[in-house]
Amino acid sequence: MSKFDEAMEASKAQMQSCNIDCDEVLLKNVTKALGPSIYNKDANLVAAGDKKEVDNIKKKFIAGKLGVEGDQADEAIKHAVEKIGSDNRQKLRPVFYYLIVKFLNKESIYG
């Protein structure tokens, strides 16, 4: 199994354990767009309690890639944290970003 396939399987497993419906095509496209970060254990995890990381996600991903700012960006991050579980310290980046894309109805960017 390739490292990409392993990342996909881990993401699908986390989604299943959190009762998150999985659009596999969207998850695959979001995961591919993350590039080599998914192969680095630290970079593949989102530290949702780290203000610097959250600000980076808002600036570079939500505003930069999805074109959304302000309260909507904050709500999307809050939604992703809640769906994965605020107590879950292993928030996989592909799942986190997938949830943001779905929440903001930006699937067409990955279509």
N, C-alpha and C. Protein backbone atom coordinates (compact mmCIF):
# COMPACT_ATOMS: atom_id res chain seq x y z
N MET A 1 0.85 -1.17 0.00
CA MET A 1 0.00 0.00 0.00
C MET A 1 0.90 1.24 0.00
N SER A 2 0.57 2.21 -0.85
CA SER A 2 1.37 3.43 -0.93
C SER A 2 1.14 4.30 0.31
N LYS A 3 2.04 5.23 0.53
CA LYS A 3 1.90 6.14 1.67
C LYS A 3 0.64 6.99 1.51
N PHE A 4 0.30 7.36 0.28
CA PHE A 4 -0.93 8.11 0.05
C PHE A 4 -2.14 7.27 0.45
N ASP A 5 -2.14 6.01 0.03
CA ASP A 5 -3.26 5.12 0.39
C ASP A 5 -3.35 4.95 1.91
N GLU A 6 -2.21 4.88 2.57
CA GLU A 6 -2.20 4.78 4.04
C GLU A 6 -2.82 6.03 4.66
N ALA A 7 -2.49 7.20 4.11
CA ALA A 7 -3.05 8.46 4.62
C ALA A 7 -4.57 8.49 4.40
N MET A 8 -4.98 8.00 3.25
CA MET A 8 -6.43 7.95 2.96
C MET A 8 -7.14 7.01 3.93
N GLU A 9 -6.57 5.84 4.15
CA GLU A 9 -7.18 4.86 5.06
C GLU A 9 -7.27 5.41 6.48
N ALA A 10 -6.21 6.08 6.93
CA ALA A 10 -6.22 6.67 8.28
C ALA A 10 -7.30 7.75 8.37
N SER A 11 -7.43 8.55 7.32
CA SER A 11 -8.46 9.60 7.31
C SER A 11 -9.86 9.01 7.32
N LYS A 12 -10.08 8.00 6.50
CA LYS A 12 -11.40 7.35 6.47
C LYS A 12 -11.72 6.70 7.82
N ALA A 13 -10.71 6.11 8.45
CA ALA A 13 -10.93 5.49 9.76
C ALA A 13 -11.32 6.54 10.80
N GLN A 14 -10.63 7.70 10.77
CA GLN A 14 -10.98 8.75 11.72
C GLN A 14 -12.39 9.26 11.45
N MET A 15 -12.74 9.41 10.20
CA MET A 15 -14.08 9.87 9.86
C MET A 15 -15.13 8.89 10.35
N GLN A 16 -14.86 7.61 10.15
CA GLN A 16 -15.81 6.59 10.58
C GLN A 16 -15.96 6.61 12.10
N SER A 17 -14.86 6.74 12.81
CA SER A 17 -14.92 6.73 14.28
C SER A 17 -15.62 7.97 14.83
N CYS A 18 -15.67 9.04 14.04
CA CYS A 18 -16.34 10.28 14.46
C CYS A 18 -17.73 10.42 13.83
N ASN A 19 -18.20 9.36 13.16
CA ASN A 19 -19.50 9.37 12.49
C ASN A 19 -19.64 10.51 11.48
N ILE A 20 -18.60 10.68 10.67
CA ILE A 20 -18.60 11.70 9.62
C ILE A 20 -18.80 10.99 8.29
N ASP A 21 -19.82 11.40 7.54
CA ASP A 21 -20.04 10.84 6.21
C ASP A 21 -18.85 11.19 5.33
N CYS A 22 -18.42 10.23 4.52
CA CYS A 22 -17.23 10.43 3.71
C CYS A 22 -17.55 10.41 2.22
N ASP A 23 -17.29 11.53 1.57
CA ASP A 23 -17.31 11.62 0.11
C ASP A 23 -15.86 11.30 -0.28
N GLU A 24 -15.62 10.05 -0.69
CA GLU A 24 -14.24 9.61 -0.93
C GLU A 24 -13.53 10.41 -2.02
N VAL A 25 -14.26 10.84 -3.04
CA VAL A 25 -13.63 11.62 -4.11
C VAL A 25 -13.15 12.96 -3.56
N LEU A 26 -13.99 13.62 -2.78
CA LEU A 26 -13.60 14.90 -2.19
C LEU A 26 -12.44 14.70 -1.21
N LEU A 27 -12.52 13.68 -0.37
CA LEU A 27 -11.44 13.42 0.58
C LEU A 27 -10.13 13.18 -0.16
N LYS A 28 -10.18 12.42 -1.23
CA LYS A 28 -8.97 12.13 -2.02
C LYS A 28 -8.39 13.42 -2.60
N ASN A 29 -9.27 14.28 -3.14
CA ASN A 29 -8.81 15.52 -3.75
C ASN A 29 -8.24 16.49 -2.71
N VAL A 30 -8.88 16.58 -1.55
CA VAL A 30 -8.37 17.43 -0.48
C VAL A 30 -7.01 16.90 0.00
N THR A 31 -6.91 15.59 0.17
CA THR A 31 -5.67 14.98 0.64
C THR A 31 -4.55 15.21 -0.37
N LYS A 32 -4.82 15.03 -1.65
CA LYS A 32 -3.81 15.27 -2.69
C LYS A 32 -3.33 16.71 -2.65
N ALA A 33 -4.26 17.64 -2.46
CA ALA A 33 -3.92 19.06 -2.47
C ALA A 33 -3.01 19.44 -1.30
N LEU A 34 -3.01 18.64 -0.25
CA LEU A 34 -2.15 18.92 0.90
C LEU A 34 -0.68 18.59 0.62
N GLY A 35 -0.44 17.86 -0.44
CA GLY A 35 0.92 17.57 -0.85
C GLY A 35 1.69 16.74 0.16
N PRO A 36 3.00 16.96 0.23
CA PRO A 36 3.85 16.12 1.08
C PRO A 36 3.61 16.26 2.58
N SER A 37 2.84 17.25 3.00
CA SER A 37 2.59 17.43 4.44
C SER A 37 1.90 16.21 5.05
N ILE A 38 1.16 15.45 4.23
CA ILE A 38 0.45 14.29 4.77
C ILE A 38 1.39 13.15 5.13
N TYR A 39 2.65 13.23 4.68
CA TYR A 39 3.60 12.17 4.96
C TYR A 39 4.45 12.45 6.19
N ASN A 40 4.31 13.64 6.76
CA ASN A 40 5.04 14.02 7.96
C ASN A 40 4.09 13.96 9.14
N LYS A 41 4.41 13.16 10.13
CA LYS A 41 3.50 12.93 11.27
C LYS A 41 3.05 14.22 11.92
N ASP A 42 3.96 15.15 12.18
CA ASP A 42 3.58 16.41 12.82
C ASP A 42 2.75 17.29 11.90
N ALA A 43 3.16 17.42 10.65
CA ALA A 43 2.44 18.28 9.71
C ALA A 43 1.07 17.73 9.35
N ASN A 44 0.90 16.42 9.49
CA ASN A 44 -0.37 15.79 9.14
C ASN A 44 -1.42 15.95 10.24
N LEU A 45 -1.00 16.48 11.39
CA LEU A 45 -1.94 16.69 12.49
C LEU A 45 -2.19 18.17 12.68
N VAL A 46 -3.42 18.53 13.01
CA VAL A 46 -3.79 19.92 13.27
C VAL A 46 -3.81 20.13 14.78
N ALA A 47 -3.05 21.12 15.22
CA ALA A 47 -3.06 21.51 16.64
C ALA A 47 -4.10 22.62 16.77
N ALA A 48 -5.35 22.23 16.93
CA ALA A 48 -6.45 23.20 16.94
C ALA A 48 -6.41 24.14 18.13
N GLY A 49 -5.64 23.81 19.15
CA GLY A 49 -5.50 24.68 20.31
C GLY A 49 -4.37 25.68 20.17
N ASP A 50 -3.63 25.60 19.07
CA ASP A 50 -2.50 26.49 18.83
C ASP A 50 -2.97 27.66 17.97
N LYS A 51 -3.04 28.85 18.58
CA LYS A 51 -3.56 30.03 17.87
C LYS A 51 -2.79 30.31 16.58
N LYS A 52 -1.48 30.13 16.61
CA LYS A 52 -0.66 30.38 15.42
C LYS A 52 -1.07 29.44 14.28
N GLU A 53 -1.28 28.18 14.60
CA GLU A 53 -1.68 27.23 13.56
C GLU A 53 -3.08 27.55 13.03
N VAL A 54 -4.00 27.85 13.93
CA VAL A 54 -5.37 28.19 13.52
C VAL A 54 -5.36 29.44 12.63
N ASP A 55 -4.58 30.44 13.01
CA ASP A 55 -4.47 31.65 12.19
C ASP A 55 -3.90 31.32 10.81
N ASN A 56 -2.92 30.42 10.77
CA ASN A 56 -2.32 30.00 9.51
C ASN A 56 -3.34 29.29 8.62
N ILE A 57 -4.16 28.43 9.22
CA ILE A 57 -5.20 27.73 8.46
C ILE A 57 -6.21 28.74 7.91
N LYS A 58 -6.59 29.71 8.74
CA LYS A 58 -7.54 30.74 8.29
C LYS A 58 -6.97 31.55 7.13
N LYS A 59 -5.70 31.97 7.28
CA LYS A 59 -5.09 32.84 6.27
C LYS A 59 -4.78 32.11 4.97
N LYS A 60 -4.07 30.98 5.09
CA LYS A 60 -3.58 30.32 3.88
C LYS A 60 -4.59 29.38 3.24
N PHE A 61 -5.36 28.69 4.04
CA PHE A 61 -6.30 27.72 3.46
C PHE A 61 -7.69 28.32 3.26
N ILE A 62 -8.28 28.80 4.34
CA ILE A 62 -9.67 29.25 4.23
C ILE A 62 -9.78 30.52 3.40
N ALA A 63 -8.94 31.51 3.68
CA ALA A 63 -8.99 32.75 2.90
C ALA A 63 -8.28 32.58 1.56
N GLY A 64 -7.07 32.03 1.59
CA GLY A 64 -6.27 31.92 0.38
C GLY A 64 -6.82 30.96 -0.65
N LYS A 65 -7.20 29.77 -0.23
CA LYS A 65 -7.66 28.75 -1.18
C LYS A 65 -9.18 28.78 -1.38
N LEU A 66 -9.91 28.95 -0.27
CA LEU A 66 -11.37 28.89 -0.37
C LEU A 66 -12.03 30.25 -0.54
N GLY A 67 -11.30 31.33 -0.28
CA GLY A 67 -11.84 32.68 -0.48
C GLY A 67 -12.85 33.10 0.57
N VAL A 68 -12.72 32.59 1.78
CA VAL A 68 -13.66 32.91 2.86
C VAL A 68 -12.89 33.52 4.02
N GLU A 69 -13.45 34.58 4.61
CA GLU A 69 -12.80 35.24 5.74
C GLU A 69 -13.80 35.53 6.84
N GLY A 70 -13.32 36.08 7.94
CA GLY A 70 -14.17 36.57 9.02
C GLY A 70 -14.86 35.48 9.82
N ASP A 71 -16.08 35.78 10.22
CA ASP A 71 -16.84 34.87 11.08
C ASP A 71 -17.05 33.50 10.45
N GLN A 72 -17.24 33.47 9.13
CA GLN A 72 -17.43 32.18 8.46
C GLN A 72 -16.22 31.28 8.63
N ALA A 73 -15.04 31.86 8.56
CA ALA A 73 -13.81 31.08 8.73
C ALA A 73 -13.74 30.53 10.15
N ASP A 74 -14.06 31.37 11.12
CA ASP A 74 -14.05 30.92 12.52
C ASP A 74 -15.08 29.81 12.75
N GLU A 75 -16.25 29.96 12.16
CA GLU A 75 -17.30 28.95 12.31
C GLU A 75 -16.89 27.63 11.68
N ALA A 76 -16.21 27.69 10.55
CA ALA A 76 -15.76 26.47 9.86
C ALA A 76 -14.73 25.72 10.72
N ILE A 77 -13.82 26.45 11.33
CA ILE A 77 -12.82 25.81 12.19
C ILE A 77 -13.51 25.21 13.42
N LYS A 78 -14.42 25.96 14.01
CA LYS A 78 -15.15 25.46 15.18
C LYS A 78 -15.91 24.18 14.82
N HIS A 79 -16.53 24.18 13.65
CA HIS A 79 -17.28 23.01 13.19
C HIS A 79 -16.36 21.79 13.07
N ALA A 80 -15.20 21.97 12.45
CA ALA A 80 -14.25 20.86 12.26
C ALA A 80 -13.78 20.32 13.61
N VAL A 81 -13.48 21.21 14.54
CA VAL A 81 -13.03 20.79 15.87
C VAL A 81 -14.12 19.98 16.56
N GLU A 82 -15.35 20.47 16.48
CA GLU A 82 -16.47 19.77 17.14
C GLU A 82 -16.75 18.41 16.52
N LYS A 83 -16.69 18.32 15.19
CA LYS A 83 -16.98 17.05 14.52
C LYS A 83 -15.93 15.98 14.84
N ILE A 84 -14.67 16.38 14.88
CA ILE A 84 -13.61 15.41 15.19
C ILE A 84 -13.57 15.16 16.70
N GLY A 85 -13.92 16.18 17.46
CA GLY A 85 -13.92 16.05 18.92
C GLY A 85 -12.83 16.91 19.52
N SER A 86 -13.23 17.88 20.34
CA SER A 86 -12.25 18.79 20.92
C SER A 86 -11.24 18.05 21.80
N ASP A 87 -11.62 16.90 22.32
CA ASP A 87 -10.72 16.12 23.16
C ASP A 87 -9.79 15.22 22.36
N ASN A 88 -10.03 15.09 21.06
CA ASN A 88 -9.19 14.27 20.19
C ASN A 88 -7.96 15.08 19.78
N ARG A 89 -6.81 14.69 20.27
CA ARG A 89 -5.58 15.43 19.98
C ARG A 89 -4.95 15.01 18.64
N GLN A 90 -5.52 14.03 17.98
CA GLN A 90 -4.98 13.52 16.71
C GLN A 90 -5.89 13.91 15.55
N LYS A 91 -6.10 15.18 15.36
CA LYS A 91 -6.95 15.66 14.27
C LYS A 91 -6.16 15.60 12.97
N LEU A 92 -6.50 14.66 12.12
CA LEU A 92 -5.79 14.52 10.86
C LEU A 92 -6.11 15.69 9.93
N ARG A 93 -5.08 16.25 9.34
CA ARG A 93 -5.25 17.44 8.49
C ARG A 93 -6.21 17.19 7.32
N PRO A 94 -6.13 16.05 6.62
CA PRO A 94 -7.09 15.85 5.53
C PRO A 94 -8.54 15.87 6.01
N VAL A 95 -8.81 15.28 7.15
CA VAL A 95 -10.17 15.25 7.69
C VAL A 95 -10.59 16.66 8.12
N PHE A 96 -9.71 17.36 8.79
CA PHE A 96 -9.99 18.72 9.26
C PHE A 96 -10.32 19.63 8.08
N TYR A 97 -9.50 19.58 7.04
CA TYR A 97 -9.71 20.43 5.87
C TYR A 97 -10.96 19.99 5.10
N TYR A 98 -11.19 18.70 5.02
CA TYR A 98 -12.40 18.16 4.37
C TYR A 98 -13.64 18.75 5.04
N LEU A 99 -13.66 18.73 6.36
CA LEU A 99 -14.82 19.24 7.10
C LEU A 99 -15.02 20.73 6.85
N ILE A 100 -13.94 21.48 6.75
CA ILE A 100 -14.03 22.91 6.46
C ILE A 100 -14.61 23.13 5.07
N VAL A 101 -14.11 22.37 4.10
CA VAL A 101 -14.60 22.49 2.71
C VAL A 101 -16.10 22.19 2.65
N LYS A 102 -16.52 21.11 3.30
CA LYS A 102 -17.94 20.74 3.30
C LYS A 102 -18.79 21.80 4.01
N PHE A 103 -18.33 22.28 5.16
CA PHE A 103 -19.07 23.27 5.93
C PHE A 103 -19.29 24.55 5.12
N LEU A 104 -18.28 24.94 4.36
CA LEU A 104 -18.36 26.18 3.58
C LEU A 104 -18.93 25.96 2.18
N ASN A 105 -19.33 24.73 1.87
CA ASN A 105 -19.87 24.39 0.54
C ASN A 105 -18.93 24.80 -0.58
N LYS A 106 -17.66 24.45 -0.43
CA LYS A 106 -16.64 24.80 -1.41
C LYS A 106 -16.12 23.57 -2.16
N GLU A 107 -16.93 22.53 -2.22
CA GLU A 107 -16.52 21.29 -2.89
C GLU A 107 -16.14 21.51 -4.34
N SER A 108 -16.74 22.49 -4.99
CA SER A 108 -16.47 22.74 -6.41
C SER A 108 -15.00 23.09 -6.67
N ILE A 109 -14.31 23.62 -5.67
CA ILE A 109 -12.90 23.96 -5.83
C ILE A 109 -12.08 22.69 -6.06
N TYR A 110 -12.57 21.57 -5.53
CA TYR A 110 -11.87 20.30 -5.64
C TYR A 110 -12.49 19.37 -6.68
N GLY A 111 -13.40 19.88 -7.49
CA GLY A 111 -14.11 19.03 -8.43
C GLY A 111 -13.47 18.88 -9.70
